[in-house]
């Protein structure tokens, strides 16, 4: 749910300022001391003066710290939107200081004792044609998540990823952990089920030890069939996909970027499914528990020509 940030901030800040003024006036009366300068200035110059001084800055800073405990902030403060964090979705307890880059190589996560708690995962598609999976494994990658196919954002037709079979066979032969994903443009529950059944049929002859993921994200094209899709319908399609995958004994997962999770999905309905976060930042800023964090789309790994997505993976 979206809120009017400026109105909420002004109300909160005003209330805190009035309380502080009351407390300080009380202290002065009780101790018979001279009136603090900021109170006399307030009386002479009004509330606008208070909003400009150090006390109001402190109040505003504290306000935003308070907001972040219950809301996801999208945009730059104060010109931003806030979205209520869904109680139905588990929160993460990751210590942001635990994320680190090892020897200038990959991002990892370690606990307070320094024990590594993550592995390196990459996600690939037909855009990565020539891959030496043995070399990829030798260079520290543990898991590969492979695109099975996608639904056309204009036609609505489900299309195979041309490299899926060769990618999954070669990755499996290299003894890499394997998961799969499908790029969705479903409009409703039934199309979500259709996408899941397509994926299940494509993977039935392969052994997976990773998740089956639905990829939901923005298409920047006025002709996109999902352009005016409501959050409810989009969430319906994701539930249809995940329910179908789960019924067949696989691990369903939802991939998207931070803001899309907050703005475009009804997270109150998705609490039972694992999340895979895309956020290209030095550390993630996301309240929900996530199984993987895609921290770059411009990674370079020996054995792959060109850039590739790299992830911190907690599974």
Protein backbone atom coordinates (compact mmCIF):
# COMPACT_ATOMS: atom_id res chain seq x y z
CA UNK A 1 0.00 0.00 0.00
CA UNK A 2 1.34 3.43 -0.98
CA UNK A 3 1.30 6.33 1.51
CA UNK A 4 1.62 10.15 1.28
CA UNK A 5 5.11 10.36 2.74
CA UNK A 6 5.25 14.14 3.14
CA UNK A 7 2.01 14.35 5.11
CA UNK A 8 2.99 11.48 7.39
CA UNK A 9 6.46 12.95 7.93
CA UNK A 10 5.13 16.42 8.77
CA UNK A 11 2.58 15.07 11.24
CA UNK A 12 5.15 12.87 12.94
CA UNK A 13 7.83 15.56 13.09
CA UNK A 14 5.37 18.17 14.38
CA UNK A 15 4.16 15.88 17.15
CA UNK A 16 7.71 15.09 18.27
CA UNK A 17 8.71 18.77 18.23
CA UNK A 18 5.71 19.74 20.36
CA UNK A 19 6.53 16.99 22.85
CA UNK A 20 10.16 18.13 23.03
CA UNK A 21 9.09 21.73 23.56
CA UNK A 22 6.72 20.68 26.32
CA UNK A 23 9.41 18.65 28.05
CA UNK A 24 11.97 21.45 27.85
CA UNK A 25 9.50 24.04 29.11
CA UNK A 26 8.68 21.72 32.00
CA UNK A 27 12.34 21.35 32.81
CA UNK A 28 12.79 25.10 32.84
CA UNK A 29 9.82 25.65 35.14
CA UNK A 30 10.91 22.93 37.54
CA UNK A 31 14.51 24.04 37.68
CA UNK A 32 13.84 27.76 37.40
CA UNK A 33 16.40 28.15 34.61
CA UNK A 34 16.52 30.55 31.70
CA UNK A 35 14.46 29.57 28.70
CA UNK A 36 16.46 27.73 26.02
CA UNK A 37 17.16 29.86 22.96
CA UNK A 38 15.39 27.53 20.57
CA UNK A 39 12.08 27.92 22.49
CA UNK A 40 12.21 31.72 22.37
CA UNK A 41 13.15 31.52 18.70
CA UNK A 42 10.21 29.20 18.11
CA UNK A 43 7.83 31.70 19.73
CA UNK A 44 9.30 34.59 17.75
CA UNK A 45 9.74 32.93 14.37
CA UNK A 46 7.20 30.08 14.36
CA UNK A 47 7.37 26.40 13.41
CA UNK A 48 9.09 27.01 10.05
CA UNK A 49 12.20 28.11 11.93
CA UNK A 50 12.18 24.92 13.99
CA UNK A 51 11.96 22.84 10.81
CA UNK A 52 15.20 24.39 9.63
CA UNK A 53 17.35 23.97 12.72
CA UNK A 54 19.37 21.05 14.04
CA UNK A 55 16.58 19.76 16.26
CA UNK A 56 14.20 19.37 13.34
CA UNK A 57 16.98 17.63 11.36
CA UNK A 58 17.39 15.14 14.20
CA UNK A 59 13.64 14.58 14.34
CA UNK A 60 13.44 13.98 10.60
CA UNK A 61 16.40 11.56 10.68
CA UNK A 62 14.76 9.61 13.48
CA UNK A 63 11.48 9.62 11.60
CA UNK A 64 13.05 7.96 8.56
CA UNK A 65 14.79 5.39 10.75
CA UNK A 66 11.38 4.60 12.20
CA UNK A 67 9.81 4.37 8.74
CA UNK A 68 12.40 1.83 7.57
CA UNK A 69 11.38 -0.59 10.32
CA UNK A 70 7.88 -0.94 8.86
CA UNK A 71 8.05 0.23 5.25
CA UNK A 72 10.06 -0.25 2.08
CA UNK A 73 11.22 3.11 0.73
CA UNK A 74 11.22 3.52 -3.05
CA UNK A 75 12.97 6.60 -4.40
CA UNK A 76 15.10 9.27 -2.80
CA UNK A 77 14.08 10.75 0.54
CA UNK A 78 11.97 12.87 0.88
CA UNK A 79 10.64 12.58 -2.70
CA UNK A 80 9.82 8.92 -2.32
CA UNK A 81 7.03 6.41 -1.84
CA UNK A 82 6.68 3.99 1.06
CA UNK A 83 5.13 0.52 1.03
CA UNK A 84 4.06 -1.43 4.09
CA UNK A 85 6.18 -4.49 4.84
CA UNK A 86 3.94 -7.56 4.77
CA UNK A 87 3.77 -9.38 8.09
CA UNK A 88 3.02 -12.59 6.18
CA UNK A 89 6.53 -12.76 4.71
CA UNK A 90 9.47 -13.84 6.93
CA UNK A 91 12.03 -11.11 7.58
CA UNK A 92 15.74 -11.67 7.17
CA UNK A 93 18.23 -11.25 9.99
CA UNK A 94 21.31 -10.82 7.81
CA UNK A 95 24.04 -8.64 9.25
CA UNK A 96 24.95 -6.29 6.40
CA UNK A 97 28.54 -6.21 7.63
CA UNK A 98 28.66 -9.93 6.90
CA UNK A 99 28.70 -9.38 3.13
CA UNK A 100 32.21 -9.18 1.74
CA UNK A 101 34.20 -9.66 -1.47
CA UNK A 102 36.83 -12.36 -1.14
CA UNK A 103 40.17 -11.56 -2.77
CA UNK A 104 38.55 -9.14 -5.22
CA UNK A 105 36.60 -12.03 -6.64
CA UNK A 106 33.03 -12.93 -5.57
CA UNK A 107 30.68 -11.61 -2.93
CA UNK A 108 30.06 -13.91 0.05
CA UNK A 109 28.32 -13.79 3.39
CA UNK A 110 29.86 -14.89 6.69
CA UNK A 111 28.48 -15.09 10.21
CA UNK A 112 29.76 -13.27 13.29
CA UNK A 113 32.43 -15.94 13.80
CA UNK A 114 33.73 -15.53 10.26
CA UNK A 115 32.29 -18.79 8.92
CA UNK A 116 31.18 -18.55 5.30
CA UNK A 117 27.43 -19.07 4.94
CA UNK A 118 26.91 -18.66 1.20
CA UNK A 119 27.94 -20.06 -2.15
CA UNK A 120 28.40 -18.51 -5.59
CA UNK A 121 25.57 -18.92 -8.09
CA UNK A 122 25.22 -17.63 -11.64
CA UNK A 123 22.12 -17.46 -13.82
CA UNK A 124 22.41 -17.98 -17.55
CA UNK A 125 20.39 -18.12 -20.75
CA UNK A 126 20.92 -18.24 -24.50
CA UNK A 127 22.72 -14.90 -24.15
CA UNK A 128 25.67 -16.91 -22.77
CA UNK A 129 26.35 -19.23 -25.68
CA UNK A 130 29.86 -20.57 -25.19
CA UNK A 131 30.41 -21.78 -21.65
CA UNK A 132 33.16 -24.04 -20.37
CA UNK A 133 31.33 -25.37 -17.31
CA UNK A 134 34.36 -27.27 -16.03
CA UNK A 135 36.35 -24.05 -15.97
CA UNK A 136 33.42 -22.19 -14.39
CA UNK A 137 33.36 -24.73 -11.56
CA UNK A 138 37.13 -24.61 -11.14
CA UNK A 139 36.86 -20.84 -10.70
CA UNK A 140 34.63 -21.00 -7.67
CA UNK A 141 31.07 -21.17 -9.00
CA UNK A 142 28.91 -23.70 -7.14
CA UNK A 143 25.48 -23.37 -8.73
CA UNK A 144 23.93 -22.50 -12.09
CA UNK A 145 20.32 -21.39 -12.60
CA UNK A 146 19.36 -21.91 -16.24
CA UNK A 147 16.57 -20.28 -18.21
CA UNK A 148 14.14 -22.84 -19.60
CA UNK A 149 12.16 -20.40 -21.72
CA UNK A 150 10.08 -17.26 -21.71
CA UNK A 151 6.69 -15.87 -22.68
CA UNK A 152 6.76 -13.18 -25.33
CA UNK A 153 5.78 -9.82 -23.90
CA UNK A 154 3.86 -8.93 -27.06
CA UNK A 155 2.61 -12.21 -28.52
CA UNK A 156 2.07 -14.06 -25.26
CA UNK A 157 3.60 -17.15 -26.88
CA UNK A 158 5.80 -19.45 -24.78
CA UNK A 159 9.23 -19.80 -26.38
CA UNK A 160 12.06 -22.26 -25.68
CA UNK A 161 15.48 -21.02 -24.64
CA UNK A 162 17.65 -22.39 -27.46
CA UNK A 163 20.52 -23.22 -25.11
CA UNK A 164 18.56 -24.87 -22.30
CA UNK A 165 19.26 -28.53 -23.10
CA UNK A 166 22.97 -28.07 -23.75
CA UNK A 167 23.38 -25.80 -20.73
CA UNK A 168 21.70 -28.15 -18.27
CA UNK A 169 23.45 -31.25 -19.60
CA UNK A 170 26.91 -29.68 -19.52
CA UNK A 171 26.36 -28.07 -16.12
CA UNK A 172 25.21 -31.40 -14.69
CA UNK A 173 28.21 -33.19 -16.20
CA UNK A 174 30.48 -30.63 -14.54
CA UNK A 175 28.82 -31.55 -11.21
CA UNK A 176 27.44 -28.07 -10.64
CA UNK A 177 24.25 -27.64 -8.68
CA UNK A 178 21.42 -26.83 -11.07
CA UNK A 179 18.21 -24.82 -10.85
CA UNK A 180 15.98 -23.34 -13.57
CA UNK A 181 13.93 -20.23 -14.21
CA UNK A 182 11.20 -19.03 -16.55
CA UNK A 183 10.67 -15.42 -17.65
CA UNK A 184 6.97 -14.78 -17.11
CA UNK A 185 4.54 -12.47 -18.82
CA UNK A 186 1.45 -14.25 -17.51
CA UNK A 187 -1.79 -12.29 -17.18
CA UNK A 188 -3.64 -14.46 -14.69
CA UNK A 189 -3.64 -17.61 -12.56
CA UNK A 190 -4.28 -19.97 -15.48
CA UNK A 191 -1.38 -18.59 -17.50
CA UNK A 192 0.86 -18.96 -14.45
CA UNK A 193 -0.17 -22.63 -14.27
CA UNK A 194 0.48 -22.96 -18.01
CA UNK A 195 4.02 -21.61 -17.60
CA UNK A 196 4.70 -23.97 -14.71
CA UNK A 197 3.48 -27.01 -16.67
CA UNK A 198 5.70 -26.01 -19.57
CA UNK A 199 8.73 -25.86 -17.27
CA UNK A 200 7.88 -29.14 -15.55
CA UNK A 201 7.66 -30.88 -18.89
CA UNK A 202 11.03 -29.51 -20.00
CA UNK A 203 12.86 -30.57 -16.81
CA UNK A 204 11.25 -33.98 -16.29
CA UNK A 205 14.28 -35.87 -17.62
CA UNK A 206 16.83 -33.92 -15.58
CA UNK A 207 17.86 -34.01 -11.95
CA UNK A 208 17.56 -30.66 -10.20
CA UNK A 209 19.06 -29.78 -6.82
CA UNK A 210 18.07 -26.11 -7.03
CA UNK A 211 14.78 -24.21 -7.29
CA UNK A 212 12.24 -23.75 -10.08
CA UNK A 213 11.92 -19.98 -10.39
CA UNK A 214 9.36 -17.62 -11.89
CA UNK A 215 10.99 -14.39 -13.08
CA UNK A 216 8.63 -11.40 -12.83
CA UNK A 217 9.76 -7.92 -13.78
CA UNK A 218 8.97 -4.76 -15.72
CA UNK A 219 8.95 -4.67 -19.53
CA UNK A 220 9.69 -1.16 -20.79
CA UNK A 221 7.52 -1.30 -23.89
CA UNK A 222 4.11 0.22 -24.51
CA UNK A 223 3.13 -2.95 -26.37
CA UNK A 224 3.83 -5.25 -23.42
CA UNK A 225 0.78 -7.38 -22.67
CA UNK A 226 1.36 -6.90 -18.92
CA UNK A 227 1.59 -3.09 -19.18
CA UNK A 228 -1.71 -2.41 -17.36
CA UNK A 229 -1.82 -5.60 -15.31
CA UNK A 230 -3.03 -5.13 -11.74
CA UNK A 231 -1.00 -6.29 -8.77
CA UNK A 232 -3.75 -8.79 -7.91
CA UNK A 233 -3.68 -10.41 -11.36
CA UNK A 234 0.11 -10.49 -11.44
CA UNK A 235 0.17 -12.11 -8.01
CA UNK A 236 -2.48 -14.59 -9.16
CA UNK A 237 -0.16 -15.71 -11.96
CA UNK A 238 2.75 -16.18 -9.57
CA UNK A 239 0.63 -18.18 -7.14
CA UNK A 240 -0.55 -20.37 -10.05
CA UNK A 241 3.06 -21.04 -11.06
CA UNK A 242 4.33 -21.71 -7.56
CA UNK A 243 1.43 -23.93 -6.49
CA UNK A 244 1.84 -26.08 -9.60
CA UNK A 245 5.59 -26.44 -9.12
CA UNK A 246 5.22 -27.27 -5.42
CA UNK A 247 2.60 -29.96 -6.14
CA UNK A 248 5.19 -31.81 -8.24
CA UNK A 249 7.76 -31.82 -5.43
CA UNK A 250 10.03 -29.02 -6.62
CA UNK A 251 11.05 -25.89 -4.71
CA UNK A 252 9.20 -22.86 -6.13
CA UNK A 253 10.90 -19.48 -5.96
CA UNK A 254 10.11 -15.92 -7.07
CA UNK A 255 12.75 -13.71 -8.70
CA UNK A 256 12.43 -9.95 -9.00
CA UNK A 257 14.08 -6.69 -8.11
CA UNK A 258 13.61 -4.89 -4.82
CA UNK A 259 11.18 -2.23 -6.02
CA UNK A 260 9.06 -4.66 -8.05
CA UNK A 261 8.52 -6.81 -4.96
CA UNK A 262 7.36 -3.72 -3.07
CA UNK A 263 5.32 -1.96 -5.75
CA UNK A 264 3.93 -4.59 -8.07
CA UNK A 265 3.17 -7.73 -6.03
CA UNK A 266 0.77 -8.46 -3.19
CA UNK A 267 3.38 -9.84 -0.82
CA UNK A 268 0.73 -10.76 1.77
CA UNK A 269 -0.10 -13.73 -0.50
CA UNK A 270 3.46 -14.89 -1.16
CA UNK A 271 4.82 -15.57 2.29
CA UNK A 272 5.21 -19.33 1.83
CA UNK A 273 7.49 -19.03 -1.19
CA UNK A 274 11.22 -18.34 -1.29
CA UNK A 275 12.47 -15.11 -2.79
CA UNK A 276 15.43 -14.32 -5.01
CA UNK A 277 16.40 -10.65 -4.84
CA UNK A 278 17.94 -8.58 -7.62
CA UNK A 279 19.51 -5.39 -6.33
CA UNK A 280 22.73 -3.96 -7.74
CA UNK A 281 24.20 -2.33 -4.67
CA UNK A 282 27.16 -2.70 -2.31
CA UNK A 283 24.84 -4.31 0.25
CA UNK A 284 21.19 -5.36 -0.08
CA UNK A 285 18.42 -3.20 1.36
CA UNK A 286 15.43 -5.52 1.60
CA UNK A 287 13.43 -6.58 4.66
CA UNK A 288 12.23 -10.02 3.58
CA UNK A 289 14.21 -13.23 3.84
CA UNK A 290 15.79 -14.09 0.49
CA UNK A 291 17.52 -17.27 -0.61
CA UNK A 292 19.68 -15.51 -3.17
CA UNK A 293 20.91 -12.00 -3.91
CA UNK A 294 21.82 -11.09 -7.49
CA UNK A 295 24.30 -8.30 -6.85
CA UNK A 296 25.62 -7.70 -10.36
CA UNK A 297 24.68 -8.26 -13.97
CA UNK A 298 28.17 -7.45 -15.16
CA UNK A 299 30.23 -10.20 -13.60
CA UNK A 300 33.11 -11.82 -15.44
CA UNK A 301 34.04 -15.46 -14.92
CA UNK A 302 36.66 -17.60 -16.58
CA UNK A 303 34.87 -20.01 -18.89
CA UNK A 304 32.14 -17.58 -19.96
CA UNK A 305 32.40 -15.09 -22.79
CA UNK A 306 30.98 -11.72 -21.84
CA UNK A 307 29.16 -10.54 -18.70
CA UNK A 308 27.02 -12.77 -16.50
CA UNK A 309 24.76 -12.34 -13.46
CA UNK A 310 26.40 -13.36 -10.17
CA UNK A 311 24.58 -14.14 -6.94
CA UNK A 312 25.23 -14.67 -3.25
CA UNK A 313 23.29 -17.87 -2.54
CA UNK A 314 22.20 -19.09 0.88
CA UNK A 315 20.78 -22.48 -0.10
